[in-house]
Amino acid sequence: QVQLVESGGGLVQPGGSLRLSCAASGISFSMYTMGWYRQAPGKQRELVAAITSGGTTNYRDSVKGRFTVSRDNVKNTVYLQMNSLKPEDTAVYYCNAKLTDVVMRSYDYWGQGTQVTVSS
């Protein structure tokens, strides 16, 4: 049974900070690329940040310099530190675990999401 459980969302004023956490179970966590996606109402889900098993990170341009993704392979947890938040960051944030094996079989798991609202 695979579970990804997000936490840390909430309401914050513009310029504020939040740290999201995603606790994973049921997978070989250290082997997976972990990602944070978000989806605003009426919009497509988009990648926010990702971190590979080797620690390489990627960010969408709009969050570069503001967000930091990290992982703790002992705690099986991935984090998203969000600073200088803007109203356009408002969305449901989802945790994703992805692995593609040697025969190109994909393993792709999602959490239930946590709401982030940036508003004054």
PDB file of N, CA and C in Angstrom:
ATOM      1  N   GLN A   1       0.827  -1.177   0.000  1.00  0.00           N
ATOM      2  CA  GLN A   1       0.000   0.000   0.000  1.00  0.00           C
ATOM      3  C   GLN A   1       0.875   1.246   0.000  1.00  0.00           C
ATOM      4  N   VAL A   2       0.731   2.046  -1.040  1.00  0.00           N
ATOM      5  CA  VAL A   2       1.491   3.271  -1.180  1.00  0.00           C
ATOM      6  C   VAL A   2       0.676   4.425  -0.632  1.00  0.00           C
ATOM      7  N   GLN A   3       1.316   5.234   0.175  1.00  0.00           N
ATOM      8  CA  GLN A   3       0.678   6.433   0.693  1.00  0.00           C
ATOM      9  C   GLN A   3       1.624   7.607   0.603  1.00  0.00           C
ATOM     10  N   LEU A   4       1.119   8.708   0.106  1.00  0.00           N
ATOM     11  CA  LEU A   4       1.797   9.989   0.139  1.00  0.00           C
ATOM     12  C   LEU A   4       0.870  10.955   0.847  1.00  0.00           C
ATOM     13  N   VAL A   5       1.326  11.512   1.945  1.00  0.00           N
ATOM     14  CA  VAL A   5       0.484  12.355   2.775  1.00  0.00           C
ATOM     15  C   VAL A   5       1.124  13.725   2.903  1.00  0.00           C
ATOM     16  N   GLU A   6       0.459  14.720   2.338  1.00  0.00           N
ATOM     17  CA  GLU A   6       0.945  16.092   2.397  1.00  0.00           C
ATOM     18  C   GLU A   6       0.455  16.780   3.663  1.00  0.00           C
ATOM     19  N   SER A   7       1.245  17.728   4.120  1.00  0.00           N
ATOM     20  CA  SER A   7       0.846  18.560   5.240  1.00  0.00           C
ATOM     21  C   SER A   7       1.554  19.903   5.130  1.00  0.00           C
ATOM     22  N   GLY A   8       1.088  20.861   5.895  1.00  0.00           N
ATOM     23  CA  GLY A   8       1.747  22.152   5.975  1.00  0.00           C
ATOM     24  C   GLY A   8       1.073  23.279   5.225  1.00  0.00           C
ATOM     25  N   GLY A   9       0.025  22.975   4.485  1.00  0.00           N
ATOM     26  CA  GLY A   9      -0.675  24.028   3.781  1.00  0.00           C
ATOM     27  C   GLY A   9      -1.464  24.909   4.721  1.00  0.00           C
ATOM     28  N   GLY A  10      -1.970  25.990   4.167  1.00  0.00           N
ATOM     29  CA  GLY A  10      -2.750  26.908   4.967  1.00  0.00           C
ATOM     30  C   GLY A  10      -2.893  28.247   4.291  1.00  0.00           C
ATOM     31  N   LEU A  11      -3.352  29.195   5.067  1.00  0.00           N
ATOM     32  CA  LEU A  11      -3.544  30.568   4.611  1.00  0.00           C
ATOM     33  C   LEU A  11      -2.376  31.422   5.058  1.00  0.00           C
ATOM     34  N   VAL A  12      -1.817  32.165   4.123  1.00  0.00           N
ATOM     35  CA  VAL A  12      -0.682  33.018   4.423  1.00  0.00           C
ATOM     36  C   VAL A  12      -0.818  34.311   3.627  1.00  0.00           C
ATOM     37  N   GLN A  13      -0.291  35.386   4.182  1.00  0.00           N
ATOM     38  CA  GLN A  13      -0.309  36.662   3.484  1.00  0.00           C
ATOM     39  C   GLN A  13       0.776  36.726   2.423  1.00  0.00           C
ATOM     40  N   PRO A  14       0.580  37.547   1.394  1.00  0.00           N
ATOM     41  CA  PRO A  14       1.643  37.732   0.418  1.00  0.00           C
ATOM     42  C   PRO A  14       2.955  38.114   1.085  1.00  0.00           C
ATOM     43  N   GLY A  15       4.025  37.511   0.611  1.00  0.00           N
ATOM     44  CA  GLY A  15       5.332  37.708   1.205  1.00  0.00           C
ATOM     45  C   GLY A  15       5.670  36.735   2.308  1.00  0.00           C
ATOM     46  N   GLY A  16       4.700  35.973   2.744  1.00  0.00           N
ATOM     47  CA  GLY A  16       4.916  35.021   3.812  1.00  0.00           C
ATOM     48  C   GLY A  16       5.522  33.722   3.329  1.00  0.00           C
ATOM     49  N   SER A  17       5.663  32.791   4.263  1.00  0.00           N
ATOM     50  CA  SER A  17       6.312  31.517   3.991  1.00  0.00           C
ATOM     51  C   SER A  17       5.501  30.360   4.523  1.00  0.00           C
ATOM     52  N   LEU A  18       5.638  29.241   3.865  1.00  0.00           N
ATOM     53  CA  LEU A  18       5.097  27.971   4.315  1.00  0.00           C
ATOM     54  C   LEU A  18       6.083  26.879   3.962  1.00  0.00           C
ATOM     55  N   ARG A  19       6.076  25.825   4.749  1.00  0.00           N
ATOM     56  CA  ARG A  19       6.830  24.638   4.407  1.00  0.00           C
ATOM     57  C   ARG A  19       5.884  23.457   4.309  1.00  0.00           C
ATOM     58  N   LEU A  20       5.822  22.871   3.130  1.00  0.00           N
ATOM     59  CA  LEU A  20       5.026  21.684   2.907  1.00  0.00           C
ATOM     60  C   LEU A  20       5.873  20.441   3.130  1.00  0.00           C
ATOM     61  N   SER A  21       5.239  19.417   3.649  1.00  0.00           N
ATOM     62  CA  SER A  21       5.883  18.131   3.840  1.00  0.00           C
ATOM     63  C   SER A  21       5.057  17.050   3.169  1.00  0.00           C
ATOM     64  N   CYS A  22       5.732  16.042   2.680  1.00  0.00           N
ATOM     65  CA  CYS A  22       5.075  14.879   2.106  1.00  0.00           C
ATOM     66  C   CYS A  22       5.763  13.644   2.656  1.00  0.00           C
ATOM     67  N   ALA A  23       5.031  12.886   3.439  1.00  0.00           N
ATOM     68  CA  ALA A  23       5.544  11.663   4.023  1.00  0.00           C
ATOM     69  C   ALA A  23       5.104  10.476   3.179  1.00  0.00           C
ATOM     70  N   ALA A  24       6.063   9.687   2.745  1.00  0.00           N
ATOM     71  CA  ALA A  24       5.798   8.562   1.863  1.00  0.00           C
ATOM     72  C   ALA A  24       5.958   7.252   2.605  1.00  0.00           C
ATOM     73  N   SER A  25       5.127   6.298   2.248  1.00  0.00           N
ATOM     74  CA  SER A  25       5.254   4.947   2.757  1.00  0.00           C
ATOM     75  C   SER A  25       4.855   3.972   1.662  1.00  0.00           C
ATOM     76  N   GLY A  26       5.369   2.758   1.751  1.00  0.00           N
ATOM     77  CA  GLY A  26       5.025   1.730   0.791  1.00  0.00           C
ATOM     78  C   GLY A  26       5.834   1.745  -0.488  1.00  0.00           C
ATOM     79  N   ILE A  27       6.836   2.608  -0.579  1.00  0.00           N
ATOM     80  CA  ILE A  27       7.721   2.654  -1.730  1.00  0.00           C
ATOM     81  C   ILE A  27       9.167   2.668  -1.257  1.00  0.00           C
ATOM     82  N   SER A  28      10.060   2.305  -2.161  1.00  0.00           N
ATOM     83  CA  SER A  28      11.488   2.464  -1.898  1.00  0.00           C
ATOM     84  C   SER A  28      11.832   3.918  -2.161  1.00  0.00           C
ATOM     85  N   PHE A  29      11.616   4.718  -1.153  1.00  0.00           N
ATOM     86  CA  PHE A  29      11.582   6.166  -1.306  1.00  0.00           C
ATOM     87  C   PHE A  29      12.827   6.720  -1.982  1.00  0.00           C
ATOM     88  N   SER A  30      13.982   6.257  -1.578  1.00  0.00           N
ATOM     89  CA  SER A  30      15.225   6.833  -2.071  1.00  0.00           C
ATOM     90  C   SER A  30      15.423   6.634  -3.571  1.00  0.00           C
ATOM     91  N   MET A  31      14.691   5.715  -4.178  1.00  0.00           N
ATOM     92  CA  MET A  31      14.827   5.445  -5.603  1.00  0.00           C
ATOM     93  C   MET A  31      13.959   6.346  -6.474  1.00  0.00           C
ATOM     94  N   TYR A  32      13.030   7.031  -5.869  1.00  0.00           N
ATOM     95  CA  TYR A  32      12.030   7.779  -6.616  1.00  0.00           C
ATOM     96  C   TYR A  32      12.402   9.236  -6.792  1.00  0.00           C
ATOM     97  N   THR A  33      12.049   9.758  -7.948  1.00  0.00           N
ATOM     98  CA  THR A  33      12.000  11.199  -8.100  1.00  0.00           C
ATOM     99  C   THR A  33      10.740  11.710  -7.406  1.00  0.00           C
ATOM    100  N   MET A  34      10.905  12.692  -6.563  1.00  0.00           N
ATOM    101  CA  MET A  34       9.793  13.276  -5.841  1.00  0.00           C
ATOM    102  C   MET A  34       9.503  14.657  -6.399  1.00  0.00           C
ATOM    103  N   GLY A  35       8.243  14.921  -6.601  1.00  0.00           N
ATOM    104  CA  GLY A  35       7.856  16.195  -7.169  1.00  0.00           C
ATOM    105  C   GLY A  35       6.719  16.835  -6.422  1.00  0.00           C
ATOM    106  N   TRP A  36       6.655  18.144  -6.554  1.00  0.00           N
ATOM    107  CA  TRP A  36       5.527  18.922  -6.079  1.00  0.00           C
ATOM    108  C   TRP A  36       4.834  19.533  -7.286  1.00  0.00           C
ATOM    109  N   TYR A  37       3.566  19.295  -7.378  1.00  0.00           N
ATOM    110  CA  TYR A  37       2.719  19.874  -8.405  1.00  0.00           C
ATOM    111  C   TYR A  37       1.661  20.731  -7.741  1.00  0.00           C
ATOM    112  N   ARG A  38       1.074  21.604  -8.516  1.00  0.00           N
ATOM    113  CA  ARG A  38      -0.028  22.385  -7.985  1.00  0.00           C
ATOM    114  C   ARG A  38      -1.103  22.555  -9.048  1.00  0.00           C
ATOM    115  N   GLN A  39      -2.299  22.766  -8.578  1.00  0.00           N
ATOM    116  CA  GLN A  39      -3.426  22.961  -9.467  1.00  0.00           C
ATOM    117  C   GLN A  39      -4.334  24.033  -8.892  1.00  0.00           C
ATOM    118  N   ALA A  40      -4.473  25.104  -9.632  1.00  0.00           N
ATOM    119  CA  ALA A  40      -5.399  26.169  -9.282  1.00  0.00           C
ATOM    120  C   ALA A  40      -6.749  25.886  -9.932  1.00  0.00           C
ATOM    121  N   PRO A  41      -7.815  26.444  -9.390  1.00  0.00           N
ATOM    122  CA  PRO A  41      -9.139  26.189  -9.964  1.00  0.00           C
ATOM    123  C   PRO A  41      -9.205  26.534 -11.443  1.00  0.00           C
ATOM    124  N   GLY A  42      -9.724  25.606 -12.230  1.00  0.00           N
ATOM    125  CA  GLY A  42      -9.882  25.823 -13.650  1.00  0.00           C
ATOM    126  C   GLY A  42      -8.612  25.738 -14.463  1.00  0.00           C
ATOM    127  N   LYS A  43      -7.507  25.355 -13.847  1.00  0.00           N
ATOM    128  CA  LYS A  43      -6.239  25.295 -14.549  1.00  0.00           C
ATOM    129  C   LYS A  43      -5.659  23.900 -14.522  1.00  0.00           C
ATOM    130  N   GLN A  44      -4.739  23.673 -15.428  1.00  0.00           N
ATOM    131  CA  GLN A  44      -4.044  22.404 -15.523  1.00  0.00           C
ATOM    132  C   GLN A  44      -3.068  22.249 -14.357  1.00  0.00           C
ATOM    133  N   ARG A  45      -2.908  21.016 -13.923  1.00  0.00           N
ATOM    134  CA  ARG A  45      -1.900  20.738 -12.918  1.00  0.00           C
ATOM    135  C   ARG A  45      -0.508  20.983 -13.503  1.00  0.00           C
ATOM    136  N   GLU A  46       0.356  21.635 -12.742  1.00  0.00           N
ATOM    137  CA  GLU A  46       1.670  21.987 -13.227  1.00  0.00           C
ATOM    138  C   GLU A  46       2.747  21.593 -12.231  1.00  0.00           C
ATOM    139  N   LEU A  47       3.892  21.252 -12.769  1.00  0.00           N
ATOM    140  CA  LEU A  47       5.042  20.939 -11.929  1.00  0.00           C
ATOM    141  C   LEU A  47       5.564  22.209 -11.288  1.00  0.00           C
ATOM    142  N   VAL A  48       5.797  22.145  -9.993  1.00  0.00           N
ATOM    143  CA  VAL A  48       6.389  23.247  -9.254  1.00  0.00           C
ATOM    144  C   VAL A  48       7.880  23.007  -9.049  1.00  0.00           C
ATOM    145  N   ALA A  49       8.206  21.856  -8.510  1.00  0.00           N
ATOM    146  CA  ALA A  49       9.587  21.519  -8.210  1.00  0.00           C
ATOM    147  C   ALA A  49       9.716  20.015  -8.131  1.00  0.00           C
ATOM    148  N   ALA A  50      10.908  19.523  -8.414  1.00  0.00           N
ATOM    149  CA  ALA A  50      11.170  18.097  -8.324  1.00  0.00           C
ATOM    150  C   ALA A  50      12.589  17.878  -7.852  1.00  0.00           C
ATOM    151  N   ILE A  51      12.809  16.736  -7.236  1.00  0.00           N
ATOM    152  CA  ILE A  51      14.135  16.355  -6.791  1.00  0.00           C
ATOM    153  C   ILE A  51      14.328  14.880  -7.084  1.00  0.00           C
ATOM    154  N   THR A  52      15.419  14.569  -7.758  1.00  0.00           N
ATOM    155  CA  THR A  52      15.692  13.199  -8.158  1.00  0.00           C
ATOM    156  C   THR A  52      16.274  12.408  -7.006  1.00  0.00           C
ATOM    157  N   SER A  53      16.428  11.113  -7.243  1.00  0.00           N
ATOM    158  CA  SER A  53      17.050  10.261  -6.241  1.00  0.00           C
ATOM    159  C   SER A  53      18.466  10.698  -5.920  1.00  0.00           C
ATOM    160  N   GLY A  54      19.137  11.329  -6.872  1.00  0.00           N
ATOM    161  CA  GLY A  54      20.485  11.814  -6.659  1.00  0.00           C
ATOM    162  C   GLY A  54      20.572  13.213  -6.099  1.00  0.00           C
ATOM    163  N   GLY A  55      19.433  13.858  -5.886  1.00  0.00           N
ATOM    164  CA  GLY A  55      19.418  15.178  -5.289  1.00  0.00           C
ATOM    165  C   GLY A  55      19.387  16.329  -6.273  1.00  0.00           C
ATOM    166  N   THR A  56      19.292  16.048  -7.559  1.00  0.00           N
ATOM    167  CA  THR A  56      19.177  17.105  -8.548  1.00  0.00           C
ATOM    168  C   THR A  56      17.789  17.720  -8.485  1.00  0.00           C
ATOM    169  N   THR A  57      17.723  19.038  -8.497  1.00  0.00           N
ATOM    170  CA  THR A  57      16.454  19.735  -8.379  1.00  0.00           C
ATOM    171  C   THR A  57      16.099  20.460  -9.666  1.00  0.00           C
ATOM    172  N   ASN A  58      14.812  20.621  -9.870  1.00  0.00           N
ATOM    173  CA  ASN A  58      14.274  21.403 -10.966  1.00  0.00           C
ATOM    174  C   ASN A  58      13.096  22.204 -10.467  1.00  0.00           C
ATOM    175  N   TYR A  59      12.968  23.423 -10.975  1.00  0.00           N
ATOM    176  CA  TYR A  59      11.897  24.322 -10.587  1.00  0.00           C
ATOM    177  C   TYR A  59      11.298  24.975 -11.810  1.00  0.00           C
ATOM    178  N   ARG A  60      10.011  25.229 -11.751  1.00  0.00           N
ATOM    179  CA  ARG A  60       9.452  26.062 -12.792  1.00  0.00           C
ATOM    180  C   ARG A  60       9.952  27.486 -12.588  1.00  0.00           C
ATOM    181  N   ASP A  61      10.023  28.232 -13.670  1.00  0.00           N
ATOM    182  CA  ASP A  61      10.653  29.542 -13.622  1.00  0.00           C
ATOM    183  C   ASP A  61      10.008  30.475 -12.601  1.00  0.00           C
ATOM    184  N   SER A  62       8.703  30.398 -12.460  1.00  0.00           N
ATOM    185  CA  SER A  62       7.995  31.346 -11.618  1.00  0.00           C
ATOM    186  C   SER A  62       8.290  31.186 -10.130  1.00  0.00           C
ATOM    187  N   VAL A  63       8.891  30.074  -9.733  1.00  0.00           N
ATOM    188  CA  VAL A  63       9.195  29.866  -8.322  1.00  0.00           C
ATOM    189  C   VAL A  63      10.685  29.846  -8.028  1.00  0.00           C
ATOM    190  N   LYS A  64      11.509  29.935  -9.040  1.00  0.00           N
ATOM    191  CA  LYS A  64      12.953  29.921  -8.832  1.00  0.00           C
ATOM    192  C   LYS A  64      13.375  31.082  -7.942  1.00  0.00           C
ATOM    193  N   GLY A  65      14.207  30.772  -6.976  1.00  0.00           N
ATOM    194  CA  GLY A  65      14.658  31.767  -6.027  1.00  0.00           C
ATOM    195  C   GLY A  65      13.748  31.957  -4.846  1.00  0.00           C
ATOM    196  N   ARG A  66      12.548  31.404  -4.912  1.00  0.00           N
ATOM    197  CA  ARG A  66      11.593  31.535  -3.824  1.00  0.00           C
ATOM    198  C   ARG A  66      11.315  30.205  -3.128  1.00  0.00           C
ATOM    199  N   PHE A  67      11.284  29.128  -3.905  1.00  0.00           N
ATOM    200  CA  PHE A  67      10.949  27.806  -3.377  1.00  0.00           C
ATOM    201  C   PHE A  67      12.188  26.926  -3.363  1.00  0.00           C
ATOM    202  N   THR A  68      12.245  26.034  -2.398  1.00  0.00           N
ATOM    203  CA  THR A  68      13.321  25.065  -2.304  1.00  0.00           C
ATOM    204  C   THR A  68      12.739  23.694  -2.003  1.00  0.00           C
ATOM    205  N   VAL A  69      13.070  22.729  -2.832  1.00  0.00           N
ATOM    206  CA  VAL A  69      12.646  21.350  -2.600  1.00  0.00           C
ATOM    207  C   VAL A  69      13.820  20.573  -2.015  1.00  0.00           C
ATOM    208  N   SER A  70      13.537  19.743  -1.052  1.00  0.00           N
ATOM    209  CA  SER A  70      14.564  18.928  -0.425  1.00  0.00           C
ATOM    210  C   SER A  70      13.953  17.589  -0.030  1.00  0.00           C
ATOM    211  N   ARG A  71      14.813  16.651   0.297  1.00  0.00           N
ATOM    212  CA  ARG A  71      14.318  15.341   0.704  1.00  0.00           C
ATOM    213  C   ARG A  71      15.164  14.786   1.822  1.00  0.00           C
ATOM    214  N   ASP A  72      14.538  13.969   2.633  1.00  0.00           N
ATOM    215  CA  ASP A  72      15.193  13.265   3.713  1.00  0.00           C
ATOM    216  C   ASP A  72      14.893  11.793   3.504  1.00  0.00           C
ATOM    217  N   ASN A  73      15.884  11.057   3.032  1.00  0.00           N
ATOM    218  CA  ASN A  73      15.667   9.654   2.699  1.00  0.00           C
ATOM    219  C   ASN A  73      15.592   8.747   3.921  1.00  0.00           C
ATOM    220  N   VAL A  74      15.980   9.261   5.074  1.00  0.00           N
ATOM    221  CA  VAL A  74      15.817   8.507   6.309  1.00  0.00           C
ATOM    222  C   VAL A  74      14.380   8.607   6.796  1.00  0.00           C
ATOM    223  N   LYS A  75      13.824   9.798   6.704  1.00  0.00           N
ATOM    224  CA  LYS A  75      12.446  10.020   7.125  1.00  0.00           C
ATOM    225  C   LYS A  75      11.429   9.737   6.031  1.00  0.00           C
ATOM    226  N   ASN A  76      11.895   9.417   4.827  1.00  0.00           N
ATOM    227  CA  ASN A  76      11.001   9.193   3.684  1.00  0.00           C
ATOM    228  C   ASN A  76      10.064  10.373   3.480  1.00  0.00           C
ATOM    229  N   THR A  77      10.640  11.545   3.499  1.00  0.00           N
ATOM    230  CA  THR A  77       9.863  12.768   3.421  1.00  0.00           C
ATOM    231  C   THR A  77      10.503  13.740   2.443  1.00  0.00           C
ATOM    232  N   VAL A  78       9.667  14.379   1.652  1.00  0.00           N
ATOM    233  CA  VAL A  78      10.102  15.449   0.779  1.00  0.00           C
ATOM    234  C   VAL A  78       9.440  16.736   1.250  1.00  0.00           C
ATOM    235  N   TYR A  79      10.172  17.839   1.118  1.00  0.00           N
ATOM    236  CA  TYR A  79       9.715  19.128   1.606  1.00  0.00           C
ATOM    237  C   TYR A  79       9.681  20.145   0.472  1.00  0.00           C
ATOM    238  N   LEU A  80       8.835  21.114   0.636  1.00  0.00           N
ATOM    239  CA  LEU A  80       8.839  22.275  -0.237  1.00  0.00           C
ATOM    240  C   LEU A  80       8.786  23.516   0.635  1.00  0.00           C
ATOM    241  N   GLN A  81       9.905  24.194   0.726  1.00  0.00           N
ATOM    242  CA  GLN A  81       9.964  25.455   1.446  1.00  0.00           C
ATOM    243  C   GLN A  81       9.560  26.562   0.490  1.00  0.00           C
ATOM    244  N   MET A  82       8.536  27.296   0.845  1.00  0.00           N
ATOM    245  CA  MET A  82       7.985  28.332  -0.009  1.00  0.00           C
ATOM    246  C   MET A  82       8.128  29.671   0.699  1.00  0.00           C
ATOM    247  N   ASN A  83       8.918  30.544   0.119  1.00  0.00           N
ATOM    248  CA  ASN A  83       9.129  31.880   0.653  1.00  0.00           C
ATOM    249  C   ASN A  83       8.611  32.918  -0.326  1.00  0.00           C
ATOM    250  N   SER A  84       8.438  34.118   0.169  1.00  0.00           N
ATOM    251  CA  SER A  84       7.983  35.233  -0.670  1.00  0.00           C
ATOM    252  C   SER A  84       6.756  34.859  -1.476  1.00  0.00           C
ATOM    253  N   LEU A  85       5.798  34.286  -0.807  1.00  0.00           N
ATOM    254  CA  LEU A  85       4.622  33.778  -1.499  1.00  0.00           C
ATOM    255  C   LEU A  85       3.806  34.896  -2.129  1.00  0.00           C
ATOM    256  N   LYS A  86       3.230  34.572  -3.259  1.00  0.00           N
ATOM    257  CA  LYS A  86       2.417  35.484  -4.040  1.00  0.00           C
ATOM    258  C   LYS A  86       1.017  34.924  -4.194  1.00  0.00           C
ATOM    259  N   PRO A  87       0.032  35.792  -4.424  1.00  0.00           N
ATOM    260  CA  PRO A  87      -1.327  35.285  -4.624  1.00  0.00           C
ATOM    261  C   PRO A  87      -1.425  34.246  -5.733  1.00  0.00           C
ATOM    262  N   GLU A  88      -0.619  34.371  -6.770  1.00  0.00           N
ATOM    263  CA  GLU A  88      -0.660  33.409  -7.857  1.00  0.00           C
ATOM    264  C   GLU A  88      -0.102  32.040  -7.487  1.00  0.00           C
ATOM    265  N   ASP A  89       0.473  31.919  -6.294  1.00  0.00           N
ATOM    266  CA  ASP A  89       0.877  30.611  -5.791  1.00  0.00           C
ATOM    267  C   ASP A  89      -0.293  29.833  -5.190  1.00  0.00           C
ATOM    268  N   THR A  90      -1.431  30.473  -5.059  1.00  0.00           N
ATOM    269  CA  THR A  90      -2.594  29.816  -4.489  1.00  0.00           C
ATOM    270  C   THR A  90      -3.005  28.621  -5.341  1.00  0.00           C
ATOM    271  N   ALA A  91      -3.098  27.461  -4.715  1.00  0.00           N
ATOM    272  CA  ALA A  91      -3.428  26.230  -5.421  1.00  0.00           C
ATOM    273  C   ALA A  91      -3.491  25.094  -4.411  1.00  0.00           C
ATOM    274  N   VAL A  92      -3.975  23.967  -4.879  1.00  0.00           N
ATOM    275  CA  VAL A  92      -3.789  22.729  -4.149  1.00  0.00           C
ATOM    276  C   VAL A  92      -2.453  22.149  -4.578  1.00  0.00           C
ATOM    277  N   TYR A  93      -1.615  21.848  -3.619  1.00  0.00           N
ATOM    278  CA  TYR A  93      -0.287  21.320  -3.881  1.00  0.00           C
ATOM    279  C   TYR A  93      -0.288  19.815  -3.644  1.00  0.00           C
ATOM    280  N   TYR A  94       0.206  19.095  -4.632  1.00  0.00           N
ATOM    281  CA  TYR A  94       0.221  17.642  -4.607  1.00  0.00           C
ATOM    282  C   TYR A  94       1.641  17.110  -4.603  1.00  0.00           C
ATOM    283  N   CYS A  95       1.843  16.082  -3.833  1.00  0.00           N
ATOM    284  CA  CYS A  95       3.097  15.362  -3.804  1.00  0.00           C
ATOM    285  C   CYS A  95       3.039  14.212  -4.803  1.00  0.00           C
ATOM    286  N   ASN A  96       4.130  14.009  -5.514  1.00  0.00           N
ATOM    287  CA  ASN A  96       4.214  12.951  -6.515  1.00  0.00           C
ATOM    288  C   ASN A  96       5.490  12.150  -6.339  1.00  0.00           C
ATOM    289  N   ALA A  97       5.377  10.849  -6.489  1.00  0.00           N
ATOM    290  CA  ALA A  97       6.525   9.952  -6.509  1.00  0.00           C
ATOM    291  C   ALA A  97       6.534   9.227  -7.840  1.00  0.00           C
ATOM    292  N   LYS A  98       7.675   9.256  -8.521  1.00  0.00           N
ATOM    293  CA  LYS A  98       7.753   8.682  -9.853  1.00  0.00           C
ATOM    294  C   LYS A  98       9.041   7.890 -10.026  1.00  0.00           C
ATOM    295  N   LEU A  99       8.885   6.720 -10.635  1.00  0.00           N
ATOM    296  CA  LEU A  99      10.022   5.875 -10.966  1.00  0.00           C
ATOM    297  C   LEU A  99       9.765   5.221 -12.306  1.00  0.00           C
ATOM    298  N   THR A 100      10.758   5.248 -13.156  1.00  0.00           N
ATOM    299  CA  THR A 100      10.717   4.515 -14.413  1.00  0.00           C
ATOM    300  C   THR A 100      11.802   3.460 -14.369  1.00  0.00           C
ATOM    301  N   ASP A 101      11.416   2.203 -14.538  1.00  0.00           N
ATOM    302  CA  ASP A 101      12.385   1.135 -14.412  1.00  0.00           C
ATOM    303  C   ASP A 101      13.101   0.872 -15.731  1.00  0.00           C
ATOM    304  N   VAL A 102      13.952  -0.129 -15.738  1.00  0.00           N
ATOM    305  CA  VAL A 102      14.843  -0.363 -16.868  1.00  0.00           C
ATOM    306  C   VAL A 102      14.090  -0.780 -18.125  1.00  0.00           C
ATOM    307  N   VAL A 103      12.891  -1.314 -17.988  1.00  0.00           N
ATOM    308  CA  VAL A 103      12.073  -1.667 -19.145  1.00  0.00           C
ATOM    309  C   VAL A 103      10.986  -0.624 -19.404  1.00  0.00           C
ATOM    310  N   MET A 104      11.197   0.571 -18.905  1.00  0.00           N
ATOM    311  CA  MET A 104      10.342   1.727 -19.147  1.00  0.00           C
ATOM    312  C   MET A 104       8.936   1.562 -18.581  1.00  0.00           C
ATOM    313  N   ARG A 105       8.829   0.789 -17.543  1.00  0.00           N
ATOM    314  CA  ARG A 105       7.569   0.679 -16.828  1.00  0.00           C
ATOM    315  C   ARG A 105       7.517   1.776 -15.770  1.00  0.00           C
ATOM    316  N   SER A 106       6.442   2.518 -15.755  1.00  0.00           N
ATOM    317  CA  SER A 106       6.337   3.674 -14.886  1.00  0.00           C
ATOM    318  C   SER A 106       5.567   3.357 -13.620  1.00  0.00           C
ATOM    319  N   TYR A 107       6.071   3.899 -12.538  1.00  0.00           N
ATOM    320  CA  TYR A 107       5.405   3.854 -11.251  1.00  0.00           C
ATOM    321  C   TYR A 107       5.166   5.302 -10.844  1.00  0.00           C
ATOM    322  N   ASP A 108       3.937   5.647 -10.616  1.00  0.00           N
ATOM    323  CA  ASP A 108       3.563   7.044 -10.454  1.00  0.00           C
ATOM    324  C   ASP A 108       2.469   7.139  -9.394  1.00  0.00           C
ATOM    325  N   TYR A 109       2.776   7.811  -8.308  1.00  0.00           N
ATOM    326  CA  TYR A 109       1.862   7.884  -7.181  1.00  0.00           C
ATOM    327  C   TYR A 109       1.640   9.333  -6.778  1.00  0.00           C
ATOM    328  N   TRP A 110       0.459   9.580  -6.260  1.00  0.00           N
ATOM    329  CA  TRP A 110       0.048  10.934  -5.895  1.00  0.00           C
ATOM    330  C   TRP A 110      -0.539  10.981  -4.500  1.00  0.00           C
ATOM    331  N   GLY A 111      -0.287  12.087  -3.824  1.00  0.00           N
ATOM    332  CA  GLY A 111      -0.965  12.365  -2.578  1.00  0.00           C
ATOM    333  C   GLY A 111      -2.309  13.014  -2.814  1.00  0.00           C
ATOM    334  N   GLN A 112      -3.006  13.287  -1.731  1.00  0.00           N
ATOM    335  CA  GLN A 112      -4.338  13.867  -1.817  1.00  0.00           C
ATOM    336  C   GLN A 112      -4.339  15.379  -1.952  1.00  0.00           C
ATOM    337  N   GLY A 113      -3.229  16.001  -1.661  1.00  0.00           N
ATOM    338  CA  GLY A 113      -3.108  17.433  -1.832  1.00  0.00           C
ATOM    339  C   GLY A 113      -3.299  18.206  -0.543  1.00  0.00           C
ATOM    340  N   THR A 114      -2.714  19.383  -0.518  1.00  0.00           N
ATOM    341  CA  THR A 114      -2.888  20.306   0.589  1.00  0.00           C
ATOM    342  C   THR A 114      -3.092  21.704   0.027  1.00  0.00           C
ATOM    343  N   GLN A 115      -4.051  22.412   0.577  1.00  0.00           N
ATOM    344  CA  GLN A 115      -4.418  23.726   0.064  1.00  0.00           C
ATOM    345  C   GLN A 115      -3.455  24.790   0.561  1.00  0.00           C
ATOM    346  N   VAL A 116      -2.970  25.592  -0.375  1.00  0.00           N
ATOM    347  CA  VAL A 116      -2.179  26.772  -0.059  1.00  0.00           C
ATOM    348  C   VAL A 116      -2.933  27.982  -0.588  1.00  0.00           C
ATOM    349  N   THR A 117      -3.235  28.905   0.290  1.00  0.00           N
ATOM    350  CA  THR A 117      -3.928  30.120  -0.096  1.00  0.00           C
ATOM    351  C   THR A 117      -3.090  31.315   0.321  1.00  0.00           C
ATOM    352  N   VAL A 118      -2.766  32.159  -0.645  1.00  0.00           N
ATOM    353  CA  VAL A 118      -1.976  33.361  -0.405  1.00  0.00           C
ATOM    354  C   VAL A 118      -2.881  34.552  -0.665  1.00  0.00           C
ATOM    355  N   SER A 119      -3.235  35.241   0.380  1.00  0.00           N
ATOM    356  CA  SER A 119      -4.205  36.318   0.265  1.00  0.00           C
ATOM    357  C   SER A 119      -4.048  37.286   1.418  1.00  0.00           C
ATOM    358  N   SER A 120      -4.284  38.541   1.121  1.00  0.00           N
ATOM    359  CA  SER A 120      -4.294  39.559   2.153  1.00  0.00           C
ATOM    360  C   SER A 120      -5.703  39.808   2.682  1.00  0.00           C
TER     361      SER A 120
END
